[in-house]
PDB file of N, CA and C in Angstrom:
ATOM      1  N   MET A   1       0.826  -1.155   0.004  1.00  0.00           N
ATOM      2  CA  MET A   1       0.001  -0.007   0.037  1.00  0.00           C
ATOM      3  C   MET A   1       0.913   1.339  -0.051  1.00  0.00           C
ATOM      4  N   SER A   2       0.350   2.262  -0.647  1.00  0.00           N
ATOM      5  CA  SER A   2       1.124   3.437  -0.854  1.00  0.00           C
ATOM      6  C   SER A   2       1.056   4.225   0.622  1.00  0.00           C
ATOM      7  N   GLU A   3       1.920   5.116   0.805  1.00  0.00           N
ATOM      8  CA  GLU A   3       1.852   5.911   2.116  1.00  0.00           C
ATOM      9  C   GLU A   3       0.663   6.811   2.061  1.00  0.00           C
ATOM     10  N   GLN A   4       0.359   7.409   0.926  1.00  0.00           N
ATOM     11  CA  GLN A   4      -0.816   8.321   0.852  1.00  0.00           C
ATOM     12  C   GLN A   4      -2.113   7.615   1.022  1.00  0.00           C
ATOM     13  N   ARG A   5      -2.238   6.378   0.644  1.00  0.00           N
ATOM     14  CA  ARG A   5      -3.452   5.671   0.723  1.00  0.00           C
ATOM     15  C   ARG A   5      -3.609   5.217   2.290  1.00  0.00           C
ATOM     16  N   LEU A   6      -2.575   4.949   3.008  1.00  0.00           N
ATOM     17  CA  LEU A   6      -2.625   4.740   4.516  1.00  0.00           C
ATOM     18  C   LEU A   6      -3.109   6.008   5.210  1.00  0.00           C
ATOM     19  N   VAL A   7      -2.546   7.103   4.764  1.00  0.00           N
ATOM     20  CA  VAL A   7      -2.882   8.399   5.435  1.00  0.00           C
ATOM     21  C   VAL A   7      -4.302   8.734   5.098  1.00  0.00           C
ATOM     22  N   ASP A   8      -4.891   8.419   3.945  1.00  0.00           N
ATOM     23  CA  ASP A   8      -6.292   8.739   3.672  1.00  0.00           C
ATOM     24  C   ASP A   8      -7.168   7.731   4.498  1.00  0.00           C
ATOM     25  N   ILE A   9      -6.717   6.575   4.672  1.00  0.00           N
ATOM     26  CA  ILE A   9      -7.512   5.577   5.449  1.00  0.00           C
ATOM     27  C   ILE A   9      -7.528   6.031   6.916  1.00  0.00           C
ATOM     28  N   GLU A  10      -6.410   6.505   7.409  1.00  0.00           N
ATOM     29  CA  GLU A  10      -6.330   6.970   8.836  1.00  0.00           C
ATOM     30  C   GLU A  10      -7.198   8.184   9.089  1.00  0.00           C
ATOM     31  N   ILE A  11      -7.190   9.062   8.104  1.00  0.00           N
ATOM     32  CA  ILE A  11      -8.065  10.207   8.176  1.00  0.00           C
ATOM     33  C   ILE A  11      -9.483   9.933   8.321  1.00  0.00           C
ATOM     34  N   LYS A  12      -9.851   9.040   7.419  1.00  0.00           N
ATOM     35  CA  LYS A  12     -11.328   8.563   7.341  1.00  0.00           C
ATOM     36  C   LYS A  12     -11.600   7.849   8.703  1.00  0.00           C
ATOM     37  N   ILE A  13     -10.752   7.009   9.195  1.00  0.00           N
ATOM     38  CA  ILE A  13     -11.066   6.394  10.538  1.00  0.00           C
ATOM     39  C   ILE A  13     -11.185   7.355  11.719  1.00  0.00           C
ATOM     40  N   ALA A  14     -10.291   8.353  11.708  1.00  0.00           N
ATOM     41  CA  ALA A  14     -10.325   9.426  12.738  1.00  0.00           C
ATOM     42  C   ALA A  14     -11.663  10.140  12.506  1.00  0.00           C
ATOM     43  N   PHE A  15     -12.138  10.556  11.428  1.00  0.00           N
ATOM     44  CA  PHE A  15     -13.255  11.214  11.089  1.00  0.00           C
ATOM     45  C   PHE A  15     -14.508  10.337  11.724  1.00  0.00           C
ATOM     46  N   GLN A  16     -14.521   9.051  11.303  1.00  0.00           N
ATOM     47  CA  GLN A  16     -15.531   8.240  11.854  1.00  0.00           C
ATOM     48  C   GLN A  16     -15.533   7.979  13.249  1.00  0.00           C
ATOM     49  N   GLU A  17     -14.451   7.995  13.971  1.00  0.00           N
ATOM     50  CA  GLU A  17     -14.319   7.913  15.397  1.00  0.00           C
ATOM     51  C   GLU A  17     -15.019   9.130  15.994  1.00  0.00           C
ATOM     52  N   LYS A  18     -14.651  10.370  15.396  1.00  0.00           N
ATOM     53  CA  LYS A  18     -15.189  11.571  15.938  1.00  0.00           C
ATOM     54  C   LYS A  18     -16.701  11.715  15.803  1.00  0.00           C
ATOM     55  N   SER A  19     -17.097  11.145  14.577  1.00  0.00           N
ATOM     56  CA  SER A  19     -18.672  11.163  14.291  1.00  0.00           C
ATOM     57  C   SER A  19     -19.343  10.285  15.296  1.00  0.00           C
ATOM     58  N   ILE A  20     -18.775   9.059  15.598  1.00  0.00           N
ATOM     59  CA  ILE A  20     -19.408   8.131  16.580  1.00  0.00           C
ATOM     60  C   ILE A  20     -19.437   8.783  17.977  1.00  0.00           C
ATOM     61  N   LYS A  21     -18.376   9.398  18.357  1.00  0.00           N
ATOM     62  CA  LYS A  21     -18.371  10.063  19.681  1.00  0.00           C
ATOM     63  C   LYS A  21     -19.461  11.125  19.724  1.00  0.00           C
ATOM     64  N   ASP A  22     -19.450  11.981  18.646  1.00  0.00           N
ATOM     65  CA  ASP A  22     -20.497  13.057  18.661  1.00  0.00           C
ATOM     66  C   ASP A  22     -21.886  12.513  18.685  1.00  0.00           C
ATOM     67  N   LEU A  23     -22.120  11.412  17.967  1.00  0.00           N
ATOM     68  CA  LEU A  23     -23.450  10.836  17.889  1.00  0.00           C
ATOM     69  C   LEU A  23     -23.844  10.285  19.365  1.00  0.00           C
ATOM     70  N   ASN A  24     -22.815   9.700  19.998  1.00  0.00           N
ATOM     71  CA  ASN A  24     -23.025   9.067  21.383  1.00  0.00           C
ATOM     72  C   ASN A  24     -23.292  10.120  22.269  1.00  0.00           C
ATOM     73  N   ASP A  25     -22.582  11.306  22.229  1.00  0.00           N
ATOM     74  CA  ASP A  25     -22.967  12.352  23.022  1.00  0.00           C
ATOM     75  C   ASP A  25     -24.464  12.857  22.911  1.00  0.00           C
ATOM     76  N   VAL A  26     -24.841  12.933  21.692  1.00  0.00           N
ATOM     77  CA  VAL A  26     -26.214  13.442  21.376  1.00  0.00           C
ATOM     78  C   VAL A  26     -27.179  12.424  21.983  1.00  0.00           C
ATOM     79  N   ILE A  27     -26.976  11.131  21.811  1.00  0.00           N
ATOM     80  CA  ILE A  27     -27.801  10.000  22.313  1.00  0.00           C
ATOM     81  C   ILE A  27     -27.858  10.168  23.908  1.00  0.00           C
ATOM     82  N   TYR A  28     -26.733  10.342  24.461  1.00  0.00           N
ATOM     83  CA  TYR A  28     -26.608  10.542  25.998  1.00  0.00           C
ATOM     84  C   TYR A  28     -27.499  11.722  26.416  1.00  0.00           C
ATOM     85  N   GLU A  29     -27.343  12.831  25.850  1.00  0.00           N
ATOM     86  CA  GLU A  29     -28.094  13.868  26.266  1.00  0.00           C
ATOM     87  C   GLU A  29     -29.663  13.748  25.988  1.00  0.00           C
ATOM     88  N   GLN A  30     -30.075  13.047  24.796  1.00  0.00           N
ATOM     89  CA  GLN A  30     -31.345  12.785  24.614  1.00  0.00           C
ATOM     90  C   GLN A  30     -31.992  11.899  25.673  1.00  0.00           C
ATOM     91  N   GLN A  31     -31.274  10.979  26.068  1.00  0.00           N
ATOM     92  CA  GLN A  31     -31.685   9.945  27.090  1.00  0.00           C
ATOM     93  C   GLN A  31     -31.992  10.728  28.472  1.00  0.00           C
ATOM     94  N   ARG A  32     -30.975  11.669  28.785  1.00  0.00           N
ATOM     95  CA  ARG A  32     -31.157  12.456  29.976  1.00  0.00           C
ATOM     96  C   ARG A  32     -32.432  13.264  29.936  1.00  0.00           C
ATOM     97  N   GLU A  33     -32.732  13.767  28.828  1.00  0.00           N
ATOM     98  CA  GLU A  33     -33.957  14.667  28.525  1.00  0.00           C
ATOM     99  C   GLU A  33     -35.204  13.777  28.651  1.00  0.00           C
ATOM    100  N   ILE A  34     -35.060  12.549  28.073  1.00  0.00           N
ATOM    101  CA  ILE A  34     -36.207  11.653  28.090  1.00  0.00           C
ATOM    102  C   ILE A  34     -36.503  11.206  29.556  1.00  0.00           C
ATOM    103  N   ASP A  35     -35.420  10.938  30.377  1.00  0.00           N
ATOM    104  CA  ASP A  35     -35.569  10.577  31.825  1.00  0.00           C
ATOM    105  C   ASP A  35     -36.221  11.688  32.555  1.00  0.00           C
ATOM    106  N   ARG A  36     -35.750  12.960  32.276  1.00  0.00           N
ATOM    107  CA  ARG A  36     -36.379  14.099  32.915  1.00  0.00           C
ATOM    108  C   ARG A  36     -37.900  14.321  32.536  1.00  0.00           C
ATOM    109  N   LEU A  37     -38.132  14.175  31.400  1.00  0.00           N
ATOM    110  CA  LEU A  37     -39.529  14.247  30.834  1.00  0.00           C
ATOM    111  C   LEU A  37     -40.419  13.146  31.424  1.00  0.00           C
ATOM    112  N   ARG A  38     -39.891  11.997  31.555  1.00  0.00           N
ATOM    113  CA  ARG A  38     -40.640  10.845  32.097  1.00  0.00           C
ATOM    114  C   ARG A  38     -40.947  11.126  33.636  1.00  0.00           C
ATOM    115  N   GLY A  39     -39.957  11.717  34.291  1.00  0.00           N
ATOM    116  CA  GLY A  39     -40.218  12.128  35.716  1.00  0.00           C
ATOM    117  C   GLY A  39     -41.351  13.132  35.860  1.00  0.00           C
ATOM    118  N   ILE A  40     -41.391  14.010  34.925  1.00  0.00           N
ATOM    119  CA  ILE A  40     -42.434  15.200  34.912  1.00  0.00           C
ATOM    120  C   ILE A  40     -43.646  14.544  34.627  1.00  0.00           C
ATOM    121  N   CYS A  41     -43.785  13.646  33.545  1.00  0.00           N
ATOM    122  CA  CYS A  41     -45.056  13.030  33.391  1.00  0.00           C
ATOM    123  C   CYS A  41     -45.640  12.037  34.541  1.00  0.00           C
ATOM    124  N   ASP A  42     -44.670  11.435  35.137  1.00  0.00           N
ATOM    125  CA  ASP A  42     -45.060  10.586  36.306  1.00  0.00           C
ATOM    126  C   ASP A  42     -45.610  11.527  37.436  1.00  0.00           C
ATOM    127  N   LEU A  43     -45.028  12.696  37.638  1.00  0.00           N
ATOM    128  CA  LEU A  43     -45.513  13.599  38.617  1.00  0.00           C
ATOM    129  C   LEU A  43     -46.846  14.164  38.216  1.00  0.00           C
ATOM    130  N   LEU A  44     -47.034  14.449  36.976  1.00  0.00           N
ATOM    131  CA  LEU A  44     -48.410  14.799  36.606  1.00  0.00           C
ATOM    132  C   LEU A  44     -49.503  13.947  36.717  1.00  0.00           C
ATOM    133  N   VAL A  45     -49.098  12.555  36.256  1.00  0.00           N
ATOM    134  CA  VAL A  45     -50.141  11.571  36.391  1.00  0.00           C
ATOM    135  C   VAL A  45     -50.552  11.492  37.883  1.00  0.00           C
ATOM    136  N   SER A  46     -49.485  11.545  38.807  1.00  0.00           N
ATOM    137  CA  SER A  46     -49.694  11.360  40.214  1.00  0.00           C
ATOM    138  C   SER A  46     -50.697  12.514  40.603  1.00  0.00           C
ATOM    139  N   ARG A  47     -50.419  13.709  40.362  1.00  0.00           N
ATOM    140  CA  ARG A  47     -51.190  14.848  40.743  1.00  0.00           C
ATOM    141  C   ARG A  47     -52.564  14.758  40.138  1.00  0.00           C
ATOM    142  N   VAL A  48     -52.729  14.402  38.992  1.00  0.00           N
ATOM    143  CA  VAL A  48     -54.100  14.293  38.354  1.00  0.00           C
ATOM    144  C   VAL A  48     -54.866  13.209  39.018  1.00  0.00           C
ATOM    145  N   LYS A  49     -54.174  11.982  39.443  1.00  0.00           N
ATOM    146  CA  LYS A  49     -54.940  11.049  40.242  1.00  0.00           C
ATOM    147  C   LYS A  49     -55.400  11.658  41.533  1.00  0.00           C
ATOM    148  N   ASP A  50     -54.382  12.355  42.170  1.00  0.00           N
ATOM    149  CA  ASP A  50     -54.714  12.886  43.547  1.00  0.00           C
ATOM    150  C   ASP A  50     -55.998  13.963  43.378  1.00  0.00           C
ATOM    151  N   LEU A  51     -55.922  14.704  42.387  1.00  0.00           N
ATOM    152  CA  LEU A  51     -57.062  15.772  42.199  1.00  0.00           C
ATOM    153  C   LEU A  51     -58.310  15.065  41.865  1.00  0.00           C
ATOM    154  N   SER A  52     -58.283  13.947  41.162  1.00  0.00           N
ATOM    155  CA  SER A  52     -59.552  13.211  40.740  1.00  0.00           C
ATOM    156  C   SER A  52     -60.275  12.687  41.951  1.00  0.00           C
ATOM    157  N   ASP A  53     -59.451  12.509  43.023  1.00  0.00           N
ATOM    158  CA  ASP A  53     -60.187  12.066  44.278  1.00  0.00           C
ATOM    159  C   ASP A  53     -61.148  13.065  44.818  1.00  0.00           C
ATOM    160  N   PHE A  54     -60.902  14.356  44.523  1.00  0.00           N
ATOM    161  CA  PHE A  54     -61.690  15.415  45.148  1.00  0.00           C
ATOM    162  C   PHE A  54     -62.777  15.883  44.307  1.00  0.00           C
ATOM    163  N   ILE A  55     -62.766  15.409  43.007  1.00  0.00           N
ATOM    164  CA  ILE A  55     -63.806  15.771  42.046  1.00  0.00           C
ATOM    165  C   ILE A  55     -65.002  14.724  42.062  1.00  0.00           C
ATOM    166  N   PRO A  56     -66.220  15.146  42.400  1.00  0.00           N
ATOM    167  CA  PRO A  56     -67.293  14.182  42.357  1.00  0.00           C
ATOM    168  C   PRO A  56     -67.667  13.721  40.896  1.00  0.00           C
ATOM    169  N   GLY A  57     -67.773  12.391  40.847  1.00  0.00           N
ATOM    170  CA  GLY A  57     -68.139  11.858  39.522  1.00  0.00           C
ATOM    171  C   GLY A  57     -67.025  11.726  38.543  1.00  0.00           C
ATOM    172  N   SER A  58     -65.818  11.910  39.093  1.00  0.00           N
ATOM    173  CA  SER A  58     -64.704  11.879  38.228  1.00  0.00           C
ATOM    174  C   SER A  58     -64.373  10.510  37.678  1.00  0.00           C
ATOM    175  N   ASP A  59     -65.044   9.466  38.241  1.00  0.00           N
ATOM    176  CA  ASP A  59     -64.800   8.189  37.629  1.00  0.00           C
ATOM    177  C   ASP A  59     -65.704   7.872  36.438  1.00  0.00           C
ATOM    178  N   ALA A  60     -66.593   8.734  36.072  1.00  0.00           N
ATOM    179  CA  ALA A  60     -67.484   8.569  34.907  1.00  0.00           C
ATOM    180  C   ALA A  60     -66.648   8.808  33.735  1.00  0.00           C
ATOM    181  N   PRO A  61     -66.946   8.119  32.642  1.00  0.00           N
ATOM    182  CA  PRO A  61     -66.241   8.393  31.354  1.00  0.00           C
ATOM    183  C   PRO A  61     -66.323   9.836  30.899  1.00  0.00           C
ATOM    184  N   ALA A  62     -65.184  10.239  30.306  1.00  0.00           N
ATOM    185  CA  ALA A  62     -65.057  11.677  29.914  1.00  0.00           C
ATOM    186  C   ALA A  62     -66.052  12.016  28.799  1.00  0.00           C
ATOM    187  N   ASN A  63     -66.311  11.011  27.885  1.00  0.00           N
ATOM    188  CA  ASN A  63     -67.103  11.333  26.714  1.00  0.00           C
ATOM    189  C   ASN A  63     -68.631  10.889  26.854  1.00  0.00           C
ATOM    190  N   GLU A  64     -68.950  10.607  28.121  1.00  0.00           N
ATOM    191  CA  GLU A  64     -70.387  10.298  28.278  1.00  0.00           C
ATOM    192  C   GLU A  64     -71.328  11.595  28.124  1.00  0.00           C
ATOM    193  N   LYS A  65     -72.375  11.363  27.388  1.00  0.00           N
ATOM    194  CA  LYS A  65     -73.394  12.407  27.302  1.00  0.00           C
ATOM    195  C   LYS A  65     -74.014  12.688  28.574  1.00  0.00           C
ATOM    196  N   PRO A  66     -74.278  14.070  28.837  1.00  0.00           N
ATOM    197  CA  PRO A  66     -75.003  14.373  29.868  1.00  0.00           C
ATOM    198  C   PRO A  66     -76.483  13.914  29.935  1.00  0.00           C
ATOM    199  N   PRO A  67     -77.051  13.851  31.144  1.00  0.00           N
ATOM    200  CA  PRO A  67     -78.398  13.174  31.232  1.00  0.00           C
ATOM    201  C   PRO A  67     -79.418  14.052  30.393  1.00  0.00           C
ATOM    202  N   HIS A  68     -79.294  15.329  30.117  1.00  0.00           N
ATOM    203  CA  HIS A  68     -80.390  15.973  29.399  1.00  0.00           C
ATOM    204  C   HIS A  68     -80.348  15.706  27.971  1.00  0.00           C
ATOM    205  N   TYR A  69     -79.484  14.962  27.386  1.00  0.00           N
ATOM    206  CA  TYR A  69     -79.498  14.711  25.932  1.00  0.00           C
ATOM    207  C   TYR A  69     -80.406  13.430  25.632  1.00  0.00           C
TER     208      TYR A  69
END
């Protein structure tokens, strides 16, 4: 193999390694954001359940027609 060909291959490998590292960093940050949002959703679900205990008739289906129809 020629020297220039080896240099070109090494450059490509270095670029791919950097690309993989950058993508891994993005995935890591996305997972942190997903975990944060999941925690917020869990908290909101808990609060809605707590509030539904205080609303009379909250166990009725939301799309049920009122009795006057």
